[in-house]
């Protein structure tokens, strides 16, 4: 089971769409995953109310490229959501399509039919998401430090 060093033991996925192969892959390879499955309708409002809950958003719905790109751009336009790690399952894995999704704000793309690399991409995305959350917490702590007293001793 995947659990990186110093990473949280829970793995929370928002799966938008339905992909049983992907759900089985996540359940089989991650310790205690939480998978919340939703359709695309009104998910921005749902995410705004729970921005820190999810580690990864996986867009697995089959539909037009423009619908997926619009959804990603809506997430990226909201300051509370733009830090979320987005993975997109895409039908056409050509370089041009991947570039469009990445430019829109997705961090990773997966072929919709599955691939041996799917698990490693999800693991990498999850690791990066956890690492980002930890580093952003450290930054928040240092930004809140306004006054401090330090004591030091010399070794003689």
N, C-alpha and C. Protein backbone atom coordinates (compact mmCIF):
# COMPACT_ATOMS: atom_id res chain seq x y z
N UNK A 1 0.83 -1.18 0.00
CA UNK A 1 0.00 0.00 0.00
C UNK A 1 0.87 1.24 0.00
N UNK A 2 0.41 2.28 -0.65
CA UNK A 2 1.20 3.50 -0.77
C UNK A 2 0.99 4.40 0.43
N UNK A 3 2.11 4.78 1.02
CA UNK A 3 2.10 5.78 2.08
C UNK A 3 3.51 6.34 2.12
N UNK A 4 3.71 7.52 1.56
CA UNK A 4 5.04 8.12 1.51
C UNK A 4 5.50 8.55 2.89
N UNK A 5 6.79 8.73 3.03
CA UNK A 5 7.36 9.17 4.29
C UNK A 5 6.80 10.53 4.69
N UNK A 6 6.43 10.66 5.95
CA UNK A 6 5.89 11.90 6.51
C UNK A 6 4.62 12.37 5.80
N UNK A 7 3.91 11.50 5.16
CA UNK A 7 2.69 11.88 4.48
C UNK A 7 1.50 11.40 5.29
N UNK A 8 0.39 12.12 5.22
CA UNK A 8 -0.80 11.71 5.95
C UNK A 8 -1.23 10.30 5.56
N UNK A 9 -1.83 9.59 6.51
CA UNK A 9 -2.22 8.20 6.24
C UNK A 9 -3.55 8.10 5.51
N UNK A 10 -4.29 9.20 5.42
CA UNK A 10 -5.56 9.15 4.70
C UNK A 10 -5.35 9.70 3.30
N UNK A 11 -6.07 9.14 2.39
CA UNK A 11 -6.00 9.57 0.99
C UNK A 11 -7.42 9.83 0.53
N UNK A 12 -7.71 11.10 0.22
CA UNK A 12 -9.08 11.50 -0.10
C UNK A 12 -9.18 11.94 -1.55
N UNK A 13 -10.00 11.22 -2.29
CA UNK A 13 -10.15 11.45 -3.72
C UNK A 13 -11.57 11.96 -4.00
N UNK A 14 -11.68 12.97 -4.84
CA UNK A 14 -12.97 13.35 -5.41
C UNK A 14 -12.95 12.88 -6.85
N UNK A 15 -13.77 11.91 -7.14
CA UNK A 15 -13.86 11.36 -8.49
C UNK A 15 -15.11 11.94 -9.14
N UNK A 16 -14.90 12.75 -10.15
CA UNK A 16 -16.03 13.36 -10.85
C UNK A 16 -16.26 12.54 -12.11
N UNK A 17 -17.39 11.87 -12.12
CA UNK A 17 -17.69 10.91 -13.17
C UNK A 17 -17.74 9.54 -12.54
N UNK A 18 -17.64 8.53 -13.34
CA UNK A 18 -17.68 7.17 -12.82
C UNK A 18 -16.71 6.31 -13.61
N UNK A 19 -15.83 5.66 -12.89
CA UNK A 19 -14.85 4.79 -13.53
C UNK A 19 -14.54 3.66 -12.55
N UNK A 20 -15.24 2.53 -12.73
CA UNK A 20 -15.09 1.41 -11.80
C UNK A 20 -13.68 0.85 -11.77
N UNK A 21 -13.00 0.83 -12.92
CA UNK A 21 -11.62 0.33 -12.94
C UNK A 21 -10.72 1.21 -12.08
N UNK A 22 -10.91 2.51 -12.17
CA UNK A 22 -10.12 3.45 -11.38
C UNK A 22 -10.43 3.32 -9.89
N UNK A 23 -11.70 3.17 -9.55
CA UNK A 23 -12.09 2.99 -8.15
C UNK A 23 -11.46 1.71 -7.59
N UNK A 24 -11.52 0.62 -8.35
CA UNK A 24 -10.91 -0.63 -7.89
C UNK A 24 -9.41 -0.49 -7.73
N UNK A 25 -8.77 0.20 -8.65
CA UNK A 25 -7.32 0.42 -8.57
C UNK A 25 -6.96 1.20 -7.30
N UNK A 26 -7.71 2.25 -7.01
CA UNK A 26 -7.45 3.06 -5.82
C UNK A 26 -7.70 2.25 -4.55
N UNK A 27 -8.82 1.54 -4.49
CA UNK A 27 -9.13 0.74 -3.30
C UNK A 27 -8.10 -0.34 -3.05
N UNK A 28 -7.59 -0.92 -4.11
CA UNK A 28 -6.63 -2.02 -3.99
C UNK A 28 -5.24 -1.54 -3.56
N UNK A 29 -4.86 -0.31 -3.93
CA UNK A 29 -3.47 0.11 -3.77
C UNK A 29 -3.22 1.21 -2.75
N UNK A 30 -4.25 1.72 -2.09
CA UNK A 30 -4.07 2.78 -1.12
C UNK A 30 -4.68 2.38 0.21
N UNK A 31 -4.00 2.74 1.30
CA UNK A 31 -4.52 2.47 2.64
C UNK A 31 -5.72 3.36 2.91
N UNK A 32 -6.81 2.77 3.28
CA UNK A 32 -8.02 3.47 3.70
C UNK A 32 -8.37 4.68 2.83
N UNK A 33 -8.52 4.48 1.53
CA UNK A 33 -8.87 5.64 0.71
C UNK A 33 -10.31 6.07 0.94
N UNK A 34 -10.53 7.35 0.84
CA UNK A 34 -11.88 7.88 0.84
C UNK A 34 -12.16 8.35 -0.58
N UNK A 35 -13.15 7.76 -1.20
CA UNK A 35 -13.50 8.13 -2.57
C UNK A 35 -14.91 8.70 -2.55
N UNK A 36 -15.04 9.94 -2.94
CA UNK A 36 -16.35 10.56 -3.06
C UNK A 36 -16.62 10.69 -4.54
N UNK A 37 -17.69 10.07 -4.98
CA UNK A 37 -18.02 10.04 -6.40
C UNK A 37 -19.15 11.02 -6.68
N UNK A 38 -18.97 11.89 -7.64
CA UNK A 38 -19.98 12.88 -8.00
C UNK A 38 -20.03 13.04 -9.51
N UNK A 39 -21.14 13.57 -9.95
CA UNK A 39 -21.24 13.99 -11.34
C UNK A 39 -20.79 15.44 -11.42
N UNK A 40 -20.62 15.97 -12.59
CA UNK A 40 -20.03 17.29 -12.77
C UNK A 40 -20.96 18.43 -12.34
N UNK A 41 -22.25 18.23 -12.35
CA UNK A 41 -23.19 19.31 -12.04
C UNK A 41 -22.95 19.92 -10.66
N UNK A 42 -22.76 21.22 -10.62
CA UNK A 42 -22.64 21.99 -9.38
C UNK A 42 -21.49 21.56 -8.47
N UNK A 43 -20.45 21.00 -9.00
CA UNK A 43 -19.34 20.56 -8.15
C UNK A 43 -18.48 21.70 -7.64
N UNK A 44 -18.49 22.83 -8.32
CA UNK A 44 -17.70 23.96 -7.84
C UNK A 44 -18.20 24.40 -6.47
N UNK A 45 -19.53 24.50 -6.30
CA UNK A 45 -20.09 24.87 -4.99
C UNK A 45 -19.70 23.85 -3.93
N UNK A 46 -19.76 22.58 -4.28
CA UNK A 46 -19.38 21.52 -3.35
C UNK A 46 -17.91 21.68 -2.94
N UNK A 47 -17.05 21.94 -3.90
CA UNK A 47 -15.62 22.10 -3.61
C UNK A 47 -15.34 23.35 -2.78
N UNK A 48 -16.05 24.43 -3.04
CA UNK A 48 -15.84 25.66 -2.27
C UNK A 48 -16.14 25.42 -0.79
N UNK A 49 -17.11 24.56 -0.51
CA UNK A 49 -17.46 24.25 0.88
C UNK A 49 -16.52 23.24 1.53
N UNK A 50 -15.72 22.53 0.74
CA UNK A 50 -14.82 21.51 1.28
C UNK A 50 -13.43 21.57 0.64
N UNK A 51 -12.81 22.74 0.51
CA UNK A 51 -11.57 22.81 -0.28
C UNK A 51 -10.39 22.05 0.32
N UNK A 52 -10.31 21.94 1.62
CA UNK A 52 -9.16 21.28 2.23
C UNK A 52 -9.38 19.79 2.44
N UNK A 53 -10.57 19.32 2.16
CA UNK A 53 -10.88 17.92 2.44
C UNK A 53 -10.17 16.96 1.48
N UNK A 54 -10.12 17.31 0.20
CA UNK A 54 -9.63 16.37 -0.80
C UNK A 54 -8.15 16.56 -1.10
N UNK A 55 -7.49 15.42 -1.35
CA UNK A 55 -6.09 15.43 -1.77
C UNK A 55 -5.98 15.50 -3.29
N UNK A 56 -6.89 14.84 -3.97
CA UNK A 56 -6.88 14.80 -5.43
C UNK A 56 -8.28 14.92 -5.99
N UNK A 57 -8.38 15.60 -7.11
CA UNK A 57 -9.62 15.62 -7.88
C UNK A 57 -9.30 14.87 -9.18
N UNK A 58 -10.09 13.86 -9.46
CA UNK A 58 -9.90 13.11 -10.70
C UNK A 58 -11.13 13.33 -11.57
N UNK A 59 -10.92 13.96 -12.71
CA UNK A 59 -12.01 14.16 -13.67
C UNK A 59 -12.07 12.93 -14.57
N UNK A 60 -13.04 12.07 -14.30
CA UNK A 60 -13.13 10.81 -15.04
C UNK A 60 -14.40 10.72 -15.88
N UNK A 61 -15.11 11.83 -15.99
CA UNK A 61 -16.34 11.76 -16.78
C UNK A 61 -16.01 11.78 -18.26
N UNK A 62 -16.84 11.08 -19.01
CA UNK A 62 -16.67 11.07 -20.46
C UNK A 62 -17.50 12.21 -21.01
N UNK A 63 -16.86 13.06 -21.74
CA UNK A 63 -17.58 14.20 -22.28
C UNK A 63 -16.67 15.01 -23.17
N UNK A 64 -17.16 16.18 -23.52
CA UNK A 64 -16.40 17.05 -24.40
C UNK A 64 -15.17 17.60 -23.69
N UNK A 65 -14.13 17.76 -24.47
CA UNK A 65 -12.91 18.35 -23.93
C UNK A 65 -13.18 19.74 -23.37
N UNK A 66 -14.03 20.49 -24.04
CA UNK A 66 -14.32 21.85 -23.60
C UNK A 66 -15.00 21.86 -22.22
N UNK A 67 -15.85 20.85 -21.93
CA UNK A 67 -16.49 20.78 -20.61
C UNK A 67 -15.45 20.55 -19.51
N UNK A 68 -14.49 19.67 -19.78
CA UNK A 68 -13.45 19.39 -18.79
C UNK A 68 -12.56 20.61 -18.59
N UNK A 69 -12.19 21.25 -19.69
CA UNK A 69 -11.33 22.44 -19.60
C UNK A 69 -12.06 23.57 -18.87
N UNK A 70 -13.33 23.76 -19.17
CA UNK A 70 -14.11 24.79 -18.46
C UNK A 70 -14.17 24.51 -16.96
N UNK A 71 -14.35 23.24 -16.60
CA UNK A 71 -14.41 22.87 -15.19
C UNK A 71 -13.07 23.15 -14.50
N UNK A 72 -11.99 22.79 -15.15
CA UNK A 72 -10.66 23.04 -14.59
C UNK A 72 -10.43 24.54 -14.43
N UNK A 73 -10.81 25.32 -15.43
CA UNK A 73 -10.62 26.77 -15.36
C UNK A 73 -11.45 27.39 -14.25
N UNK A 74 -12.65 26.87 -14.00
CA UNK A 74 -13.47 27.37 -12.89
C UNK A 74 -12.76 27.11 -11.56
N UNK A 75 -12.19 25.93 -11.42
CA UNK A 75 -11.45 25.61 -10.20
C UNK A 75 -10.26 26.56 -10.05
N UNK A 76 -9.53 26.76 -11.13
CA UNK A 76 -8.34 27.61 -11.08
C UNK A 76 -8.67 29.07 -10.83
N UNK A 77 -9.89 29.50 -11.16
CA UNK A 77 -10.26 30.90 -10.97
C UNK A 77 -10.68 31.20 -9.52
N UNK A 78 -10.86 30.18 -8.73
CA UNK A 78 -11.27 30.35 -7.33
C UNK A 78 -10.03 30.23 -6.43
N UNK A 79 -9.73 31.28 -5.69
CA UNK A 79 -8.50 31.29 -4.89
C UNK A 79 -8.45 30.18 -3.85
N UNK A 80 -9.59 29.73 -3.34
CA UNK A 80 -9.60 28.65 -2.36
C UNK A 80 -9.39 27.27 -2.97
N UNK A 81 -9.53 27.16 -4.28
CA UNK A 81 -9.47 25.86 -4.93
C UNK A 81 -8.27 25.65 -5.82
N UNK A 82 -7.62 26.73 -6.25
CA UNK A 82 -6.61 26.57 -7.30
C UNK A 82 -5.38 25.76 -6.88
N UNK A 83 -5.23 25.51 -5.58
CA UNK A 83 -4.10 24.70 -5.13
C UNK A 83 -4.39 23.20 -5.22
N UNK A 84 -5.66 22.82 -5.48
CA UNK A 84 -6.01 21.41 -5.53
C UNK A 84 -5.36 20.72 -6.73
N UNK A 85 -4.92 19.50 -6.50
CA UNK A 85 -4.28 18.72 -7.56
C UNK A 85 -5.36 18.05 -8.40
N UNK A 86 -5.31 18.31 -9.70
CA UNK A 86 -6.32 17.78 -10.63
C UNK A 86 -5.67 16.80 -11.60
N UNK A 87 -6.30 15.63 -11.71
CA UNK A 87 -5.92 14.63 -12.70
C UNK A 87 -7.09 14.52 -13.67
N UNK A 88 -6.81 14.48 -14.96
CA UNK A 88 -7.86 14.38 -15.97
C UNK A 88 -7.67 13.09 -16.75
N UNK A 89 -8.74 12.30 -16.85
CA UNK A 89 -8.75 11.14 -17.74
C UNK A 89 -9.15 11.66 -19.11
N UNK A 90 -8.31 11.39 -20.10
CA UNK A 90 -8.59 11.91 -21.43
C UNK A 90 -8.65 10.78 -22.46
N UNK A 91 -9.49 10.98 -23.45
CA UNK A 91 -9.67 9.97 -24.49
C UNK A 91 -8.53 9.99 -25.49
N UNK A 92 -8.18 11.18 -25.95
CA UNK A 92 -7.12 11.31 -26.94
C UNK A 92 -5.85 11.75 -26.21
N UNK A 93 -4.89 10.85 -26.13
CA UNK A 93 -3.70 11.13 -25.34
C UNK A 93 -2.60 11.80 -26.16
N UNK A 94 -2.99 12.50 -27.21
CA UNK A 94 -2.02 13.22 -28.04
C UNK A 94 -1.43 14.38 -27.26
N UNK A 95 -0.23 14.79 -27.65
CA UNK A 95 0.46 15.87 -26.95
C UNK A 95 -0.35 17.16 -26.91
N UNK A 96 -1.02 17.49 -28.01
CA UNK A 96 -1.80 18.73 -28.05
C UNK A 96 -2.91 18.74 -27.01
N UNK A 97 -3.61 17.62 -26.86
CA UNK A 97 -4.69 17.54 -25.88
C UNK A 97 -4.13 17.66 -24.46
N UNK A 98 -3.07 16.94 -24.17
CA UNK A 98 -2.47 17.01 -22.83
C UNK A 98 -2.04 18.43 -22.53
N UNK A 99 -1.43 19.10 -23.50
CA UNK A 99 -0.99 20.48 -23.29
C UNK A 99 -2.15 21.40 -22.95
N UNK A 100 -3.28 21.21 -23.62
CA UNK A 100 -4.45 22.06 -23.34
C UNK A 100 -4.94 21.87 -21.90
N UNK A 101 -4.97 20.64 -21.44
CA UNK A 101 -5.43 20.38 -20.07
C UNK A 101 -4.43 20.94 -19.04
N UNK A 102 -3.16 20.78 -19.32
CA UNK A 102 -2.14 21.29 -18.41
C UNK A 102 -2.18 22.83 -18.37
N UNK A 103 -2.32 23.45 -19.53
CA UNK A 103 -2.44 24.92 -19.57
C UNK A 103 -3.66 25.41 -18.81
N UNK A 104 -4.75 24.63 -18.84
CA UNK A 104 -5.97 25.01 -18.13
C UNK A 104 -5.80 24.91 -16.61
N UNK A 105 -4.86 24.05 -16.16
CA UNK A 105 -4.62 23.94 -14.72
C UNK A 105 -4.56 22.53 -14.18
N UNK A 106 -4.80 21.52 -15.04
CA UNK A 106 -4.65 20.14 -14.57
C UNK A 106 -3.16 19.87 -14.37
N UNK A 107 -2.83 19.06 -13.40
CA UNK A 107 -1.41 18.75 -13.17
C UNK A 107 -1.00 17.44 -13.82
N UNK A 108 -1.97 16.54 -14.03
CA UNK A 108 -1.67 15.23 -14.60
C UNK A 108 -2.79 14.82 -15.54
N UNK A 109 -2.43 14.00 -16.55
CA UNK A 109 -3.40 13.43 -17.48
C UNK A 109 -3.23 11.92 -17.50
N UNK A 110 -4.35 11.22 -17.57
CA UNK A 110 -4.36 9.76 -17.66
C UNK A 110 -5.14 9.34 -18.88
N UNK A 111 -4.71 8.27 -19.56
CA UNK A 111 -5.54 7.76 -20.65
C UNK A 111 -6.83 7.18 -20.07
N UNK A 112 -7.94 7.43 -20.72
CA UNK A 112 -9.24 7.03 -20.19
C UNK A 112 -9.40 5.51 -20.13
N UNK A 113 -8.73 4.78 -20.98
CA UNK A 113 -8.85 3.33 -21.00
C UNK A 113 -7.95 2.63 -19.99
N UNK A 114 -7.23 3.37 -19.20
CA UNK A 114 -6.32 2.75 -18.25
C UNK A 114 -4.97 2.49 -18.90
N UNK A 115 -3.98 2.32 -18.08
CA UNK A 115 -2.63 2.17 -18.55
C UNK A 115 -1.81 1.63 -17.39
N UNK A 116 -0.75 0.90 -17.65
CA UNK A 116 0.08 0.43 -16.55
C UNK A 116 0.67 1.56 -15.70
N UNK A 117 0.79 2.75 -16.28
CA UNK A 117 1.36 3.87 -15.54
C UNK A 117 0.33 4.63 -14.69
N UNK A 118 -0.94 4.27 -14.82
CA UNK A 118 -2.00 4.98 -14.10
C UNK A 118 -1.72 5.04 -12.60
N UNK A 119 -1.38 3.91 -12.01
CA UNK A 119 -1.14 3.87 -10.57
C UNK A 119 0.04 4.75 -10.17
N UNK A 120 1.11 4.70 -10.94
CA UNK A 120 2.28 5.53 -10.59
C UNK A 120 1.97 7.02 -10.72
N UNK A 121 1.14 7.39 -11.70
CA UNK A 121 0.76 8.80 -11.85
C UNK A 121 -0.08 9.24 -10.65
N UNK A 122 -1.02 8.40 -10.23
CA UNK A 122 -1.86 8.73 -9.07
C UNK A 122 -1.00 8.84 -7.81
N UNK A 123 -0.07 7.92 -7.63
CA UNK A 123 0.82 7.97 -6.46
C UNK A 123 1.65 9.26 -6.46
N UNK A 124 2.19 9.61 -7.60
CA UNK A 124 2.99 10.84 -7.71
C UNK A 124 2.13 12.06 -7.42
N UNK A 125 0.94 12.10 -7.97
CA UNK A 125 0.03 13.23 -7.74
C UNK A 125 -0.35 13.33 -6.26
N UNK A 126 -0.62 12.21 -5.64
CA UNK A 126 -0.97 12.21 -4.23
C UNK A 126 0.20 12.66 -3.36
N UNK A 127 1.38 12.16 -3.68
CA UNK A 127 2.58 12.58 -2.96
C UNK A 127 2.79 14.09 -3.09
N UNK A 128 2.68 14.61 -4.31
CA UNK A 128 2.85 16.04 -4.53
C UNK A 128 1.79 16.86 -3.79
N UNK A 129 0.57 16.36 -3.76
CA UNK A 129 -0.52 17.05 -3.07
C UNK A 129 -0.23 17.13 -1.57
N UNK A 130 0.17 16.00 -0.98
CA UNK A 130 0.50 15.98 0.45
C UNK A 130 1.68 16.89 0.76
N UNK A 131 2.68 16.83 -0.09
CA UNK A 131 3.88 17.67 0.10
C UNK A 131 3.52 19.15 0.03
N UNK A 132 2.65 19.51 -0.91
CA UNK A 132 2.22 20.90 -1.04
C UNK A 132 1.47 21.34 0.21
N UNK A 133 0.56 20.50 0.71
CA UNK A 133 -0.20 20.86 1.91
C UNK A 133 0.71 21.05 3.11
N UNK A 134 1.70 20.18 3.27
CA UNK A 134 2.63 20.31 4.39
C UNK A 134 3.44 21.59 4.25
N UNK A 135 3.96 21.87 3.06
CA UNK A 135 4.77 23.08 2.88
C UNK A 135 3.93 24.34 3.03
N UNK A 136 2.66 24.31 2.61
CA UNK A 136 1.82 25.50 2.76
C UNK A 136 1.48 25.73 4.23
N UNK A 137 1.37 24.66 5.01
CA UNK A 137 1.15 24.82 6.45
C UNK A 137 2.38 25.46 7.10
N UNK A 138 3.57 25.03 6.67
CA UNK A 138 4.81 25.61 7.21
C UNK A 138 4.92 27.09 6.84
N UNK A 139 4.53 27.44 5.63
CA UNK A 139 4.56 28.84 5.21
C UNK A 139 3.58 29.66 6.05
N UNK A 140 2.38 29.12 6.28
CA UNK A 140 1.41 29.83 7.11
C UNK A 140 1.93 30.06 8.52
N UNK A 141 2.62 29.08 9.07
CA UNK A 141 3.20 29.24 10.41
C UNK A 141 4.23 30.35 10.40
N UNK A 142 5.12 30.35 9.40
CA UNK A 142 6.17 31.38 9.37
C UNK A 142 5.59 32.76 9.07
N UNK A 143 4.51 32.84 8.29
CA UNK A 143 3.88 34.13 8.01
C UNK A 143 3.18 34.70 9.25
N UNK A 144 2.76 33.83 10.16
CA UNK A 144 2.07 34.28 11.36
C UNK A 144 3.04 34.70 12.47
N UNK A 145 4.29 34.42 12.32
CA UNK A 145 5.29 34.77 13.32
C UNK A 145 5.59 36.26 13.22
N UNK A 146 5.19 37.01 14.22
CA UNK A 146 5.41 38.46 14.20
C UNK A 146 6.44 38.89 15.24
N UNK A 147 6.58 38.11 16.30
CA UNK A 147 7.52 38.47 17.35
C UNK A 147 8.05 37.19 17.96
N UNK A 148 9.33 37.14 18.16
CA UNK A 148 9.93 35.95 18.75
C UNK A 148 11.15 36.33 19.57
N UNK A 149 11.40 35.55 20.59
CA UNK A 149 12.59 35.74 21.42
C UNK A 149 13.40 34.47 21.31
N UNK A 150 14.67 34.63 20.98
CA UNK A 150 15.55 33.49 20.85
C UNK A 150 16.64 33.56 21.92
N UNK A 151 17.00 32.43 22.42
CA UNK A 151 18.08 32.35 23.40
C UNK A 151 19.14 31.44 22.80
N UNK A 152 20.39 31.85 22.93
CA UNK A 152 21.44 31.00 22.44
C UNK A 152 22.54 30.93 23.48
N UNK A 153 23.29 29.84 23.43
CA UNK A 153 24.39 29.62 24.35
C UNK A 153 25.62 29.31 23.53
N UNK A 154 26.74 29.74 23.98
CA UNK A 154 27.99 29.41 23.32
C UNK A 154 28.59 28.19 23.99
N UNK A 155 29.27 27.42 23.25
CA UNK A 155 29.90 26.22 23.77
C UNK A 155 31.36 26.53 24.11
N UNK A 156 31.67 26.71 25.35
CA UNK A 156 33.04 26.97 25.80
C UNK A 156 33.48 25.97 26.81
